[in-house]
Amino acid sequence: MRRLLALVDRVATSDVPVMVIYGERDSVVPTVLSARVADHALTLAERVVLADADHNDPVMFGPRVAAAVARLAHNVN
């Protein structure tokens, strides 16, 4: 929990664009914790929630995530 609080504090004060990507059924990092990080990000560029996805499901490494990362990279330029 301490690491989560540190991360929330960091994204709440950072001016760096943040993208939070997580699965609805994440068994490693609970969805509520990922949502909390996104909710507190001062400069949230995008929140990508993958329906029915667990932490290491193939969709987490697929085209939807790649497209989101490409959008972030394009918009940061």
N, C-alpha and C. Protein backbone atom coordinates (compact mmCIF):
# COMPACT_ATOMS: atom_id res chain seq x y z
N MET A 1 0.82 -1.18 0.00
CA MET A 1 0.00 0.00 0.00
C MET A 1 0.87 1.26 0.00
N ARG A 2 2.01 1.17 0.65
CA ARG A 2 2.90 2.33 0.70
C ARG A 2 3.37 2.74 -0.69
N ARG A 3 3.66 1.73 -1.53
CA ARG A 3 4.10 2.03 -2.90
C ARG A 3 2.98 2.69 -3.70
N LEU A 4 1.75 2.23 -3.49
CA LEU A 4 0.62 2.84 -4.18
C LEU A 4 0.48 4.30 -3.78
N LEU A 5 0.56 4.57 -2.50
CA LEU A 5 0.43 5.95 -2.03
C LEU A 5 1.54 6.83 -2.60
N ALA A 6 2.75 6.28 -2.68
CA ALA A 6 3.86 7.04 -3.26
C ALA A 6 3.60 7.32 -4.74
N LEU A 7 3.07 6.33 -5.44
CA LEU A 7 2.77 6.52 -6.86
C LEU A 7 1.65 7.54 -7.05
N VAL A 8 0.61 7.44 -6.23
CA VAL A 8 -0.49 8.41 -6.31
C VAL A 8 0.03 9.82 -6.05
N ASP A 9 0.86 9.97 -5.03
CA ASP A 9 1.45 11.29 -4.73
C ASP A 9 2.25 11.81 -5.92
N ARG A 10 3.00 10.93 -6.55
CA ARG A 10 3.85 11.35 -7.66
C ARG A 10 3.02 11.79 -8.87
N VAL A 11 2.02 10.99 -9.25
CA VAL A 11 1.24 11.35 -10.43
C VAL A 11 0.32 12.54 -10.16
N ALA A 12 0.00 12.77 -8.90
CA ALA A 12 -0.86 13.91 -8.55
C ALA A 12 -0.14 15.24 -8.66
N THR A 13 1.18 15.20 -8.71
CA THR A 13 1.95 16.45 -8.75
C THR A 13 2.84 16.57 -9.98
N SER A 14 2.84 15.56 -10.82
CA SER A 14 3.72 15.56 -12.00
C SER A 14 3.03 16.22 -13.19
N ASP A 15 3.81 16.94 -13.97
CA ASP A 15 3.26 17.53 -15.19
C ASP A 15 3.58 16.68 -16.42
N VAL A 16 4.08 15.49 -16.20
CA VAL A 16 4.38 14.55 -17.28
C VAL A 16 3.10 13.79 -17.64
N PRO A 17 2.76 13.69 -18.92
CA PRO A 17 1.57 12.94 -19.31
C PRO A 17 1.63 11.49 -18.84
N VAL A 18 0.51 11.02 -18.31
CA VAL A 18 0.43 9.67 -17.74
C VAL A 18 -0.67 8.89 -18.46
N MET A 19 -0.37 7.66 -18.80
CA MET A 19 -1.37 6.75 -19.33
C MET A 19 -1.46 5.57 -18.37
N VAL A 20 -2.66 5.20 -18.00
CA VAL A 20 -2.85 4.06 -17.10
C VAL A 20 -3.63 3.01 -17.87
N ILE A 21 -3.04 1.83 -17.99
CA ILE A 21 -3.64 0.71 -18.72
C ILE A 21 -3.81 -0.44 -17.74
N TYR A 22 -5.02 -0.96 -17.67
CA TYR A 22 -5.24 -2.10 -16.77
C TYR A 22 -6.42 -2.94 -17.24
N GLY A 23 -6.42 -4.18 -16.77
CA GLY A 23 -7.50 -5.10 -17.09
C GLY A 23 -8.57 -5.09 -16.02
N GLU A 24 -9.79 -5.35 -16.42
CA GLU A 24 -10.92 -5.38 -15.49
C GLU A 24 -10.82 -6.50 -14.46
N ARG A 25 -10.09 -7.57 -14.80
CA ARG A 25 -9.98 -8.71 -13.89
C ARG A 25 -8.54 -8.92 -13.42
N ASP A 26 -7.80 -7.88 -13.25
CA ASP A 26 -6.39 -8.01 -12.89
C ASP A 26 -6.25 -8.69 -11.53
N SER A 27 -5.54 -9.80 -11.52
CA SER A 27 -5.33 -10.57 -10.28
C SER A 27 -3.99 -10.22 -9.62
N VAL A 28 -3.19 -9.38 -10.26
CA VAL A 28 -1.90 -8.98 -9.71
C VAL A 28 -2.00 -7.60 -9.06
N VAL A 29 -2.50 -6.64 -9.81
CA VAL A 29 -2.73 -5.28 -9.30
C VAL A 29 -4.24 -5.06 -9.33
N PRO A 30 -4.89 -5.03 -8.18
CA PRO A 30 -6.34 -4.87 -8.18
C PRO A 30 -6.79 -3.65 -8.98
N THR A 31 -7.85 -3.84 -9.74
CA THR A 31 -8.39 -2.78 -10.61
C THR A 31 -8.64 -1.50 -9.85
N VAL A 32 -9.13 -1.61 -8.64
CA VAL A 32 -9.42 -0.41 -7.85
C VAL A 32 -8.16 0.42 -7.60
N LEU A 33 -7.03 -0.23 -7.48
CA LEU A 33 -5.77 0.50 -7.26
C LEU A 33 -5.31 1.20 -8.53
N SER A 34 -5.43 0.52 -9.66
CA SER A 34 -5.07 1.16 -10.94
C SER A 34 -5.99 2.34 -11.21
N ALA A 35 -7.27 2.17 -10.91
CA ALA A 35 -8.23 3.27 -11.11
C ALA A 35 -7.88 4.45 -10.22
N ARG A 36 -7.43 4.17 -9.01
CA ARG A 36 -7.05 5.25 -8.10
C ARG A 36 -5.87 6.05 -8.65
N VAL A 37 -4.91 5.36 -9.22
CA VAL A 37 -3.77 6.06 -9.83
C VAL A 37 -4.27 6.96 -10.95
N ALA A 38 -5.12 6.43 -11.82
CA ALA A 38 -5.65 7.23 -12.92
C ALA A 38 -6.46 8.42 -12.41
N ASP A 39 -7.27 8.18 -11.40
CA ASP A 39 -8.12 9.25 -10.84
C ASP A 39 -7.31 10.41 -10.29
N HIS A 40 -6.11 10.13 -9.81
CA HIS A 40 -5.30 11.17 -9.18
C HIS A 40 -4.24 11.77 -10.10
N ALA A 41 -4.11 11.25 -11.29
CA ALA A 41 -3.09 11.77 -12.21
C ALA A 41 -3.43 13.19 -12.65
N LEU A 42 -2.55 14.09 -12.37
CA LEU A 42 -2.73 15.50 -12.73
C LEU A 42 -2.84 15.68 -14.24
N THR A 43 -2.04 14.92 -14.96
CA THR A 43 -2.00 15.05 -16.42
C THR A 43 -2.32 13.70 -17.08
N LEU A 44 -3.47 13.15 -16.74
CA LEU A 44 -3.87 11.87 -17.33
C LEU A 44 -4.11 12.06 -18.82
N ALA A 45 -3.29 11.40 -19.62
CA ALA A 45 -3.45 11.47 -21.07
C ALA A 45 -4.56 10.55 -21.52
N GLU A 46 -4.63 9.36 -20.89
CA GLU A 46 -5.64 8.38 -21.28
C GLU A 46 -5.69 7.27 -20.24
N ARG A 47 -6.89 6.77 -20.04
CA ARG A 47 -7.11 5.57 -19.21
C ARG A 47 -7.63 4.51 -20.16
N VAL A 48 -6.96 3.36 -20.19
CA VAL A 48 -7.36 2.26 -21.05
C VAL A 48 -7.70 1.08 -20.14
N VAL A 49 -8.98 0.73 -20.12
CA VAL A 49 -9.44 -0.40 -19.31
C VAL A 49 -9.84 -1.51 -20.27
N LEU A 50 -9.17 -2.64 -20.14
CA LEU A 50 -9.41 -3.75 -21.03
C LEU A 50 -10.42 -4.71 -20.41
N ALA A 51 -11.58 -4.81 -21.04
CA ALA A 51 -12.68 -5.62 -20.53
C ALA A 51 -12.26 -7.08 -20.37
N ASP A 52 -12.59 -7.65 -19.23
CA ASP A 52 -12.36 -9.07 -18.93
C ASP A 52 -10.90 -9.49 -19.01
N ALA A 53 -9.96 -8.56 -18.95
CA ALA A 53 -8.54 -8.91 -19.06
C ALA A 53 -7.89 -9.04 -17.69
N ASP A 54 -7.02 -10.05 -17.58
CA ASP A 54 -6.19 -10.23 -16.39
C ASP A 54 -4.82 -9.62 -16.69
N HIS A 55 -3.98 -9.58 -15.70
CA HIS A 55 -2.71 -8.87 -15.75
C HIS A 55 -1.82 -9.27 -16.93
N ASN A 56 -1.71 -10.55 -17.20
CA ASN A 56 -0.80 -11.03 -18.24
C ASN A 56 -1.50 -11.66 -19.43
N ASP A 57 -2.76 -11.34 -19.63
CA ASP A 57 -3.48 -11.85 -20.79
C ASP A 57 -2.89 -11.27 -22.07
N PRO A 58 -2.97 -12.02 -23.18
CA PRO A 58 -2.39 -11.54 -24.44
C PRO A 58 -2.91 -10.16 -24.87
N VAL A 59 -4.15 -9.82 -24.56
CA VAL A 59 -4.69 -8.52 -24.95
C VAL A 59 -3.89 -7.37 -24.33
N MET A 60 -3.23 -7.64 -23.20
CA MET A 60 -2.43 -6.60 -22.55
C MET A 60 -1.18 -6.23 -23.36
N PHE A 61 -0.87 -7.05 -24.35
CA PHE A 61 0.31 -6.82 -25.18
C PHE A 61 -0.07 -6.69 -26.65
N GLY A 62 -1.36 -6.48 -26.90
CA GLY A 62 -1.87 -6.50 -28.26
C GLY A 62 -2.03 -5.13 -28.89
N PRO A 63 -2.75 -5.10 -30.00
CA PRO A 63 -2.88 -3.88 -30.80
C PRO A 63 -3.55 -2.71 -30.08
N ARG A 64 -4.51 -2.98 -29.21
CA ARG A 64 -5.18 -1.88 -28.52
C ARG A 64 -4.21 -1.13 -27.61
N VAL A 65 -3.38 -1.87 -26.91
CA VAL A 65 -2.39 -1.26 -26.03
C VAL A 65 -1.31 -0.56 -26.86
N ALA A 66 -0.86 -1.19 -27.92
CA ALA A 66 0.16 -0.58 -28.79
C ALA A 66 -0.36 0.73 -29.38
N ALA A 67 -1.62 0.74 -29.79
CA ALA A 67 -2.20 1.96 -30.36
C ALA A 67 -2.29 3.07 -29.31
N ALA A 68 -2.63 2.71 -28.08
CA ALA A 68 -2.70 3.70 -27.00
C ALA A 68 -1.33 4.30 -26.73
N VAL A 69 -0.32 3.47 -26.68
CA VAL A 69 1.04 3.95 -26.43
C VAL A 69 1.50 4.84 -27.60
N ALA A 70 1.15 4.46 -28.82
CA ALA A 70 1.50 5.29 -29.99
C ALA A 70 0.81 6.65 -29.91
N ARG A 71 -0.46 6.68 -29.47
CA ARG A 71 -1.15 7.97 -29.31
C ARG A 71 -0.45 8.84 -28.29
N LEU A 72 -0.05 8.23 -27.19
CA LEU A 72 0.66 8.99 -26.15
C LEU A 72 1.95 9.56 -26.71
N ALA A 73 2.73 8.73 -27.39
CA ALA A 73 4.01 9.17 -27.95
C ALA A 73 3.79 10.29 -28.97
N HIS A 74 2.77 10.17 -29.79
CA HIS A 74 2.48 11.19 -30.80
C HIS A 74 2.08 12.51 -30.15
N ASN A 75 1.30 12.44 -29.09
CA ASN A 75 0.81 13.65 -28.44
C ASN A 75 1.86 14.32 -27.55
N VAL A 76 2.87 13.60 -27.15
CA VAL A 76 3.91 14.17 -26.31
C VAL A 76 4.86 15.02 -27.16
N ASN A 77 5.01 14.67 -28.40
CA ASN A 77 5.90 15.44 -29.29
C ASN A 77 5.52 16.84 -29.35
